[in-house]
Structures are given as structure tokens and as C-alpha cells.
Amino acid sequence: VKVYIWHCDARGYYSGFLKYNPDEPAPPVEKADPSDPSRFLRGVQTTNNAGKVSFETIYPGFYYGRAIHIHIEVYKGGNAVYVGQVYFPEDLNKKLEQLDDYGDRRIKRTLNKDDSIFTGSGGVDTTLKLKGDFSGFKTSIILGIDPRTITKEKSEG
């Protein structure tokens, strides 16, 4: 089983899509083609015998209209069996705005409660419980996945 994650950088840019300004609405297309060959803040791990994976990354930034999140897709035998997102607690998101790399933006950050994907897909249940501080956080999540399921949802990047 392979687990993929990806998210934007501190300023809201996604690798492969650097031509899109994160302070402006995304183009009205279902799924955009990559605009460049850059690849950062994307990863894939194969689960161990216990079904576990581990990733190390940064606290994501934000972009127009979306709360701070990380995308997750799980594949078994080439079929997507899970497509979802995890979110970050608002108390930490608010503190994040005070950090140089994340602050001083033209747009206001979308709060979890104002993100239609967060509210429409159980974002409260997938909000991470982080331990640590901005020099380094740790968290873990458990995804209960039926490997016989094939999802019809489409990822956004």
C-alpha cells in the first residue's frame, strides 16, 4: 500500500504549479496540468507490515479560499482506496501568521470553519492533534481503510 501526501509551501505555492498566484482564486478547471517541473513538499511511502508510514515536512501555508491542510491519497494495487485531507488547529494557525515566512500576505487566511471542503467532509475529525512548538511538531493519525474500496473522488494536485 502506498501513501502519498502533498501540500503548499509557507507562501501558498504548490510544486508543479508555480505559475498560479496563491493570493488569487484558482483557475476554474477541474484539475490543472502542471505548469513546471518543480517537485517539493510531495512524498510517497510504502506501508510497513503493520500498515505504518512516516513523513517529515513543514507546517503548510495557505492559499486563496482554503484552510491550512495536507492532501492524502492511499493506493492499493494502483487503485485509490482513500482520498482526503488533514487540517491544523486554529489556535496554531493564528500563531503561524506571526512568523515571517507565513505572514505579510495580501489575503486573509481562510479559517477551518469557513472552508467548504473542511465543513463538507468532516474536517473536524481530521484536524491534527500536534505536540511540540514551531521549532518542530509531531502528530500521528490512524486511517481506517477498507482496501476493497475504490474511491471515485479526484485529487486536486
N, C-alpha and C. Protein backbone atom coordinates (compact mmCIF):
# COMPACT_ATOMS: atom_id res chain seq x y z
N VAL A 1 0.86 -1.17 0.00
CA VAL A 1 0.00 0.00 0.00
C VAL A 1 0.90 1.23 0.00
N LYS A 2 0.58 2.19 -0.85
CA LYS A 2 1.36 3.42 -0.94
C LYS A 2 0.53 4.59 -0.43
N VAL A 3 1.17 5.45 0.36
CA VAL A 3 0.53 6.64 0.91
C VAL A 3 1.25 7.86 0.34
N TYR A 4 0.49 8.72 -0.30
CA TYR A 4 1.01 9.95 -0.89
C TYR A 4 0.52 11.13 -0.06
N ILE A 5 1.40 12.11 0.16
CA ILE A 5 0.97 13.38 0.76
C ILE A 5 1.55 14.52 -0.07
N TRP A 6 0.88 15.66 -0.03
CA TRP A 6 1.42 16.87 -0.64
C TRP A 6 0.71 18.08 -0.05
N HIS A 7 1.41 19.19 -0.07
CA HIS A 7 0.83 20.45 0.41
C HIS A 7 1.63 21.62 -0.12
N CYS A 8 1.09 22.81 0.09
CA CYS A 8 1.76 24.02 -0.40
C CYS A 8 2.88 24.44 0.56
N ASP A 9 3.71 25.35 0.06
CA ASP A 9 4.79 25.89 0.89
C ASP A 9 4.25 27.00 1.80
N ALA A 10 5.14 27.64 2.54
CA ALA A 10 4.73 28.67 3.50
C ALA A 10 3.97 29.82 2.85
N ARG A 11 4.25 30.11 1.58
CA ARG A 11 3.60 31.22 0.87
C ARG A 11 2.38 30.79 0.08
N GLY A 12 2.06 29.49 0.09
CA GLY A 12 0.86 29.01 -0.59
C GLY A 12 1.09 28.40 -1.96
N TYR A 13 2.35 28.26 -2.37
CA TYR A 13 2.65 27.70 -3.69
C TYR A 13 2.77 26.17 -3.62
N TYR A 14 2.19 25.51 -4.63
CA TYR A 14 2.35 24.06 -4.80
C TYR A 14 3.43 23.80 -5.84
N SER A 15 4.30 22.84 -5.56
CA SER A 15 5.28 22.46 -6.57
C SER A 15 4.54 21.93 -7.79
N GLY A 16 5.10 22.25 -8.95
CA GLY A 16 4.47 21.85 -10.21
C GLY A 16 3.43 22.84 -10.70
N PHE A 17 3.06 23.79 -9.84
CA PHE A 17 2.00 24.75 -10.19
C PHE A 17 2.41 26.17 -9.81
N LEU A 18 3.68 26.49 -10.02
CA LEU A 18 4.22 27.77 -9.56
C LEU A 18 3.67 28.97 -10.32
N LYS A 19 3.04 28.75 -11.47
CA LYS A 19 2.50 29.89 -12.22
C LYS A 19 1.22 30.44 -11.59
N TYR A 20 0.62 29.68 -10.70
CA TYR A 20 -0.63 30.11 -10.07
C TYR A 20 -0.34 30.92 -8.81
N ASN A 21 -0.87 32.13 -8.76
CA ASN A 21 -0.67 33.02 -7.62
C ASN A 21 -1.57 32.56 -6.47
N PRO A 22 -1.00 32.17 -5.33
CA PRO A 22 -1.82 31.68 -4.22
C PRO A 22 -2.69 32.75 -3.56
N ASP A 23 -2.47 34.01 -3.89
CA ASP A 23 -3.28 35.09 -3.33
C ASP A 23 -4.47 35.44 -4.22
N GLU A 24 -4.67 34.68 -5.28
CA GLU A 24 -5.79 34.90 -6.20
C GLU A 24 -6.58 33.60 -6.35
N PRO A 25 -7.85 33.70 -6.75
CA PRO A 25 -8.64 32.48 -6.95
C PRO A 25 -7.99 31.56 -7.99
N ALA A 26 -8.13 30.26 -7.76
CA ALA A 26 -7.59 29.28 -8.71
C ALA A 26 -8.38 29.34 -10.01
N PRO A 27 -7.76 28.95 -11.12
CA PRO A 27 -8.50 28.94 -12.39
C PRO A 27 -9.67 27.95 -12.33
N PRO A 28 -10.74 28.24 -13.05
CA PRO A 28 -11.93 27.39 -12.98
C PRO A 28 -11.80 26.13 -13.84
N VAL A 29 -10.88 25.25 -13.44
CA VAL A 29 -10.72 23.97 -14.13
C VAL A 29 -10.81 22.86 -13.09
N GLU A 30 -11.27 21.69 -13.51
CA GLU A 30 -11.41 20.59 -12.55
C GLU A 30 -10.06 20.15 -12.02
N LYS A 31 -9.10 19.95 -12.91
CA LYS A 31 -7.75 19.59 -12.49
C LYS A 31 -6.77 20.21 -13.47
N ALA A 32 -5.94 21.10 -12.97
CA ALA A 32 -4.98 21.80 -13.81
C ALA A 32 -3.79 20.90 -14.12
N ASP A 33 -3.22 21.08 -15.30
CA ASP A 33 -1.99 20.39 -15.66
C ASP A 33 -0.83 21.11 -14.99
N PRO A 34 0.22 20.37 -14.59
CA PRO A 34 1.39 21.04 -14.00
C PRO A 34 1.94 22.10 -14.95
N SER A 35 2.44 23.18 -14.35
CA SER A 35 2.97 24.30 -15.14
C SER A 35 4.49 24.29 -15.18
N ASP A 36 5.13 23.45 -14.37
CA ASP A 36 6.58 23.44 -14.30
C ASP A 36 7.04 22.11 -13.69
N PRO A 37 8.35 21.82 -13.79
CA PRO A 37 8.85 20.53 -13.29
C PRO A 37 9.21 20.50 -11.80
N SER A 38 8.98 21.58 -11.07
CA SER A 38 9.38 21.60 -9.66
C SER A 38 8.65 20.51 -8.87
N ARG A 39 9.34 19.96 -7.88
CA ARG A 39 8.75 18.93 -7.02
C ARG A 39 9.28 19.12 -5.60
N PHE A 40 8.46 19.71 -4.75
CA PHE A 40 8.80 19.87 -3.34
C PHE A 40 7.53 19.71 -2.53
N LEU A 41 7.69 19.33 -1.28
CA LEU A 41 6.58 19.12 -0.35
C LEU A 41 5.56 18.11 -0.89
N ARG A 42 6.10 17.09 -1.53
CA ARG A 42 5.32 15.95 -2.02
C ARG A 42 6.10 14.71 -1.62
N GLY A 43 5.39 13.69 -1.19
CA GLY A 43 6.09 12.47 -0.80
C GLY A 43 5.21 11.25 -0.93
N VAL A 44 5.87 10.12 -1.01
CA VAL A 44 5.16 8.83 -1.04
C VAL A 44 5.97 7.84 -0.22
N GLN A 45 5.28 7.04 0.54
CA GLN A 45 5.89 5.97 1.33
C GLN A 45 5.08 4.70 1.13
N THR A 46 5.76 3.57 1.17
CA THR A 46 5.10 2.28 1.16
C THR A 46 4.93 1.85 2.61
N THR A 47 3.74 1.38 2.96
CA THR A 47 3.49 0.98 4.35
C THR A 47 4.35 -0.22 4.73
N ASN A 48 4.69 -0.29 6.02
CA ASN A 48 5.41 -1.45 6.51
C ASN A 48 4.41 -2.58 6.80
N ASN A 49 4.87 -3.67 7.39
CA ASN A 49 3.99 -4.82 7.66
C ASN A 49 2.85 -4.48 8.61
N ALA A 50 3.03 -3.43 9.42
CA ALA A 50 1.98 -3.01 10.35
C ALA A 50 1.06 -1.96 9.71
N GLY A 51 1.32 -1.61 8.45
CA GLY A 51 0.50 -0.62 7.77
C GLY A 51 0.87 0.81 8.09
N LYS A 52 2.09 1.03 8.59
CA LYS A 52 2.51 2.37 9.01
C LYS A 52 3.44 3.02 8.00
N VAL A 53 3.36 4.35 7.95
CA VAL A 53 4.30 5.17 7.18
C VAL A 53 4.69 6.36 8.05
N SER A 54 5.76 7.03 7.66
CA SER A 54 6.21 8.20 8.40
C SER A 54 6.67 9.26 7.40
N PHE A 55 6.28 10.51 7.65
CA PHE A 55 6.68 11.63 6.80
C PHE A 55 7.25 12.74 7.68
N GLU A 56 8.18 13.50 7.12
CA GLU A 56 8.68 14.71 7.77
C GLU A 56 8.50 15.85 6.77
N THR A 57 7.87 16.93 7.22
CA THR A 57 7.58 18.04 6.31
C THR A 57 7.49 19.33 7.12
N ILE A 58 7.09 20.41 6.47
CA ILE A 58 6.92 21.69 7.15
C ILE A 58 5.44 21.92 7.46
N TYR A 59 5.18 22.89 8.30
CA TYR A 59 3.81 23.34 8.54
C TYR A 59 3.37 24.04 7.26
N PRO A 60 2.30 23.59 6.62
CA PRO A 60 1.90 24.19 5.35
C PRO A 60 1.47 25.65 5.50
N GLY A 61 1.55 26.37 4.41
CA GLY A 61 0.99 27.72 4.35
C GLY A 61 -0.46 27.63 3.90
N PHE A 62 -0.94 28.72 3.31
CA PHE A 62 -2.33 28.73 2.86
C PHE A 62 -2.41 29.44 1.52
N TYR A 63 -3.52 29.23 0.85
CA TYR A 63 -3.78 29.92 -0.40
C TYR A 63 -5.25 30.32 -0.45
N TYR A 64 -5.59 31.12 -1.43
CA TYR A 64 -6.91 31.72 -1.54
C TYR A 64 -8.03 30.69 -1.37
N GLY A 65 -8.90 30.96 -0.40
CA GLY A 65 -10.12 30.17 -0.25
C GLY A 65 -10.00 28.86 0.48
N ARG A 66 -8.82 28.49 0.94
CA ARG A 66 -8.65 27.20 1.59
C ARG A 66 -8.00 27.35 2.96
N ALA A 67 -8.45 26.49 3.87
CA ALA A 67 -7.82 26.39 5.19
C ALA A 67 -6.48 25.67 5.03
N ILE A 68 -5.66 25.74 6.04
CA ILE A 68 -4.36 25.07 6.01
C ILE A 68 -4.60 23.56 6.09
N HIS A 69 -4.01 22.82 5.14
CA HIS A 69 -4.28 21.38 5.06
C HIS A 69 -3.14 20.64 4.35
N ILE A 70 -3.18 19.32 4.47
CA ILE A 70 -2.30 18.41 3.73
C ILE A 70 -3.19 17.40 3.03
N HIS A 71 -2.93 17.16 1.76
CA HIS A 71 -3.65 16.15 0.98
C HIS A 71 -3.07 14.77 1.28
N ILE A 72 -3.93 13.77 1.32
CA ILE A 72 -3.51 12.37 1.50
C ILE A 72 -4.26 11.51 0.49
N GLU A 73 -3.52 10.63 -0.16
CA GLU A 73 -4.14 9.61 -1.00
C GLU A 73 -3.48 8.28 -0.66
N VAL A 74 -4.28 7.23 -0.58
CA VAL A 74 -3.79 5.89 -0.30
C VAL A 74 -4.16 5.01 -1.49
N TYR A 75 -3.16 4.27 -1.98
CA TYR A 75 -3.35 3.39 -3.14
C TYR A 75 -2.99 1.96 -2.78
N LYS A 76 -3.82 1.05 -3.24
CA LYS A 76 -3.52 -0.38 -3.14
C LYS A 76 -3.66 -0.96 -4.54
N GLY A 77 -2.58 -1.55 -5.02
CA GLY A 77 -2.61 -2.14 -6.35
C GLY A 77 -2.94 -1.15 -7.45
N GLY A 78 -2.53 0.10 -7.28
CA GLY A 78 -2.79 1.11 -8.29
C GLY A 78 -4.15 1.77 -8.20
N ASN A 79 -5.00 1.31 -7.29
CA ASN A 79 -6.33 1.90 -7.11
C ASN A 79 -6.37 2.79 -5.88
N ALA A 80 -6.96 3.97 -6.02
CA ALA A 80 -7.11 4.86 -4.87
C ALA A 80 -8.17 4.28 -3.94
N VAL A 81 -7.77 3.99 -2.69
CA VAL A 81 -8.72 3.47 -1.71
C VAL A 81 -9.08 4.52 -0.66
N TYR A 82 -8.37 5.65 -0.69
CA TYR A 82 -8.68 6.76 0.22
C TYR A 82 -8.17 8.05 -0.41
N VAL A 83 -8.99 9.09 -0.38
CA VAL A 83 -8.60 10.44 -0.79
C VAL A 83 -9.13 11.37 0.29
N GLY A 84 -8.26 12.15 0.90
CA GLY A 84 -8.72 13.05 1.95
C GLY A 84 -7.70 14.13 2.27
N GLN A 85 -8.00 14.89 3.30
CA GLN A 85 -7.13 15.96 3.75
C GLN A 85 -7.12 15.98 5.28
N VAL A 86 -5.99 16.40 5.83
CA VAL A 86 -5.91 16.65 7.27
C VAL A 86 -5.70 18.14 7.46
N TYR A 87 -6.19 18.64 8.58
CA TYR A 87 -6.19 20.08 8.86
C TYR A 87 -5.43 20.37 10.15
N PHE A 88 -5.19 21.64 10.39
CA PHE A 88 -4.41 22.09 11.53
C PHE A 88 -5.28 22.91 12.46
N PRO A 89 -5.01 22.84 13.77
CA PRO A 89 -5.84 23.55 14.74
C PRO A 89 -5.72 25.07 14.59
N GLU A 90 -6.87 25.74 14.73
CA GLU A 90 -6.92 27.19 14.52
C GLU A 90 -6.03 27.97 15.48
N ASP A 91 -5.87 27.51 16.72
CA ASP A 91 -5.02 28.27 17.65
C ASP A 91 -3.58 28.33 17.13
N LEU A 92 -3.10 27.25 16.53
CA LEU A 92 -1.74 27.26 15.97
C LEU A 92 -1.69 28.01 14.64
N ASN A 93 -2.73 27.87 13.83
CA ASN A 93 -2.77 28.60 12.56
C ASN A 93 -2.67 30.10 12.79
N LYS A 94 -3.34 30.57 13.83
CA LYS A 94 -3.31 32.01 14.15
C LYS A 94 -1.89 32.44 14.53
N LYS A 95 -1.21 31.63 15.33
CA LYS A 95 0.17 31.95 15.72
C LYS A 95 1.11 31.90 14.51
N LEU A 96 0.82 31.01 13.59
CA LEU A 96 1.64 30.85 12.40
C LEU A 96 1.72 32.15 11.60
N GLU A 97 0.64 32.90 11.57
CA GLU A 97 0.60 34.15 10.80
C GLU A 97 1.62 35.17 11.29
N GLN A 98 2.13 34.99 12.50
CA GLN A 98 3.11 35.93 13.05
C GLN A 98 4.53 35.63 12.58
N LEU A 99 4.73 34.46 11.96
CA LEU A 99 6.06 34.07 11.50
C LEU A 99 6.35 34.68 10.13
N ASP A 100 7.60 35.12 9.93
CA ASP A 100 7.98 35.83 8.71
C ASP A 100 7.58 35.11 7.43
N ASP A 101 7.89 33.85 7.31
CA ASP A 101 7.62 33.14 6.06
C ASP A 101 6.14 32.99 5.76
N TYR A 102 5.30 33.07 6.77
CA TYR A 102 3.87 32.81 6.60
C TYR A 102 3.01 34.07 6.61
N GLY A 103 3.51 35.13 7.22
CA GLY A 103 2.71 36.35 7.36
C GLY A 103 2.86 37.29 6.18
N ASP A 104 2.39 38.52 6.38
CA ASP A 104 2.52 39.59 5.39
C ASP A 104 1.98 39.17 4.03
N ARG A 105 0.71 38.76 4.01
CA ARG A 105 0.06 38.33 2.77
C ARG A 105 -0.99 39.34 2.34
N ARG A 106 -1.31 39.35 1.06
CA ARG A 106 -2.35 40.24 0.53
C ARG A 106 -3.75 39.75 0.88
N ILE A 107 -3.88 38.48 1.21
CA ILE A 107 -5.19 37.91 1.50
C ILE A 107 -5.25 37.46 2.95
N LYS A 108 -6.47 37.35 3.45
CA LYS A 108 -6.66 36.80 4.79
C LYS A 108 -6.72 35.29 4.68
N ARG A 109 -6.22 34.64 5.69
CA ARG A 109 -6.26 33.18 5.74
C ARG A 109 -7.70 32.71 5.93
N THR A 110 -8.09 31.69 5.19
CA THR A 110 -9.41 31.09 5.36
C THR A 110 -9.39 30.22 6.61
N LEU A 111 -10.31 30.47 7.51
CA LEU A 111 -10.42 29.67 8.73
C LEU A 111 -11.02 28.31 8.41
N ASN A 112 -10.71 27.33 9.24
CA ASN A 112 -11.27 25.99 9.04
C ASN A 112 -12.79 26.06 8.87
N LYS A 113 -13.45 26.78 9.74
CA LYS A 113 -14.92 26.82 9.74
C LYS A 113 -15.49 27.47 8.48
N ASP A 114 -14.65 28.20 7.74
CA ASP A 114 -15.10 28.87 6.52
C ASP A 114 -14.68 28.15 5.24
N ASP A 115 -14.01 27.02 5.38
CA ASP A 115 -13.56 26.24 4.23
C ASP A 115 -14.63 25.20 3.89
N SER A 116 -15.17 25.26 2.69
CA SER A 116 -16.28 24.37 2.32
C SER A 116 -15.86 22.90 2.28
N ILE A 117 -14.60 22.62 1.99
CA ILE A 117 -14.15 21.22 1.99
C ILE A 117 -14.02 20.74 3.44
N PHE A 118 -13.48 21.58 4.31
CA PHE A 118 -13.38 21.23 5.73
C PHE A 118 -14.76 20.92 6.30
N THR A 119 -15.71 21.83 6.06
CA THR A 119 -17.05 21.66 6.65
C THR A 119 -17.84 20.56 5.96
N GLY A 120 -17.58 20.31 4.69
CA GLY A 120 -18.36 19.33 3.95
C GLY A 120 -17.83 17.92 3.99
N SER A 121 -16.63 17.73 4.53
CA SER A 121 -16.05 16.39 4.52
C SER A 121 -15.50 15.97 5.88
N GLY A 122 -16.09 16.47 6.94
CA GLY A 122 -15.69 16.03 8.28
C GLY A 122 -14.33 16.51 8.72
N GLY A 123 -13.96 17.73 8.36
CA GLY A 123 -12.66 18.26 8.72
C GLY A 123 -12.38 18.30 10.21
N VAL A 124 -13.42 18.44 11.01
CA VAL A 124 -13.23 18.42 12.46
C VAL A 124 -12.59 17.10 12.88
N ASP A 125 -13.01 16.01 12.24
CA ASP A 125 -12.49 14.69 12.58
C ASP A 125 -11.08 14.45 12.06
N THR A 126 -10.63 15.25 11.10
CA THR A 126 -9.29 15.07 10.55
C THR A 126 -8.37 16.24 10.89
N THR A 127 -8.71 16.98 11.94
CA THR A 127 -7.82 18.04 12.42
C THR A 127 -6.77 17.40 13.31
N LEU A 128 -5.51 17.67 13.01
CA LEU A 128 -4.40 17.04 13.71
C LEU A 128 -4.29 17.53 15.15
N LYS A 129 -3.86 16.64 16.01
CA LYS A 129 -3.52 16.98 17.39
C LYS A 129 -2.00 16.99 17.46
N LEU A 130 -1.44 18.20 17.46
CA LEU A 130 0.00 18.36 17.38
C LEU A 130 0.63 18.49 18.75
N LYS A 131 1.83 17.94 18.88
CA LYS A 131 2.63 18.10 20.10
C LYS A 131 3.92 18.78 19.69
N GLY A 132 4.34 19.77 20.49
CA GLY A 132 5.58 20.47 20.20
C GLY A 132 5.35 21.95 20.04
N ASP A 133 6.26 22.60 19.31
CA ASP A 133 6.15 24.03 19.05
C ASP A 133 6.65 24.29 17.63
N PHE A 134 6.75 25.56 17.25
CA PHE A 134 7.09 25.86 15.87
C PHE A 134 8.53 25.52 15.49
N SER A 135 9.32 25.04 16.43
CA SER A 135 10.63 24.50 16.05
C SER A 135 10.48 23.05 15.61
N GLY A 136 9.33 22.45 15.90
CA GLY A 136 9.06 21.09 15.45
C GLY A 136 7.84 20.51 16.13
N PHE A 137 6.91 20.02 15.34
CA PHE A 137 5.70 19.37 15.84
C PHE A 137 5.75 17.89 15.49
N LYS A 138 5.01 17.10 16.25
CA LYS A 138 4.80 15.69 15.93
C LYS A 138 3.32 15.40 16.05
N THR A 139 2.88 14.48 15.23
CA THR A 139 1.50 14.03 15.30
C THR A 139 1.42 12.64 14.71
N SER A 140 0.33 11.98 14.95
CA SER A 140 0.07 10.71 14.27
C SER A 140 -1.42 10.63 14.01
N ILE A 141 -1.76 9.92 12.96
CA ILE A 141 -3.16 9.70 12.64
C ILE A 141 -3.35 8.23 12.30
N ILE A 142 -4.54 7.76 12.52
CA ILE A 142 -4.91 6.41 12.14
C ILE A 142 -6.03 6.52 11.12
N LEU A 143 -5.80 5.95 9.95
CA LEU A 143 -6.82 5.91 8.91
C LEU A 143 -7.34 4.48 8.83
N GLY A 144 -8.62 4.32 9.05
CA GLY A 144 -9.24 3.01 8.86
C GLY A 144 -9.70 2.90 7.42
N ILE A 145 -9.03 2.06 6.65
CA ILE A 145 -9.30 1.98 5.22
C ILE A 145 -9.71 0.56 4.85
N ASP A 146 -10.79 0.46 4.11
CA ASP A 146 -11.20 -0.82 3.54
C ASP A 146 -10.47 -0.96 2.21
N PRO A 147 -9.48 -1.86 2.12
CA PRO A 147 -8.68 -1.96 0.90
C PRO A 147 -9.47 -2.45 -0.31
N ARG A 148 -10.70 -2.90 -0.10
CA ARG A 148 -11.54 -3.34 -1.23
C ARG A 148 -12.26 -2.16 -1.87
N THR A 149 -12.23 -1.01 -1.19
CA THR A 149 -12.91 0.18 -1.69
C THR A 149 -12.05 0.84 -2.77
N ILE A 150 -12.70 1.28 -3.82
CA ILE A 150 -12.03 2.10 -4.84
C ILE A 150 -12.79 3.42 -4.87
N THR A 151 -12.09 4.50 -4.53
CA THR A 151 -12.75 5.80 -4.46
C THR A 151 -12.89 6.41 -5.84
N LYS A 152 -13.95 7.15 -6.02
CA LYS A 152 -14.17 7.85 -7.28
C LYS A 152 -13.82 9.32 -7.15
N GLU A 153 -13.41 9.73 -5.94
CA GLU A 153 -13.04 11.13 -5.73
C GLU A 153 -11.78 11.43 -6.52
N LYS A 154 -11.64 12.69 -6.90
CA LYS A 154 -10.46 13.13 -7.63
C LYS A 154 -9.65 14.05 -6.76
N SER A 155 -8.34 13.87 -6.81
CA SER A 155 -7.47 14.75 -6.04
C SER A 155 -7.35 16.09 -6.75
N GLU A 156 -6.78 17.05 -6.04
CA GLU A 156 -6.64 18.41 -6.59
C GLU A 156 -5.21 18.74 -6.93
N GLY A 157 -4.34 17.80 -6.98
CA GLY A 157 -2.98 18.19 -7.31
C GLY A 157 -2.03 17.10 -7.16
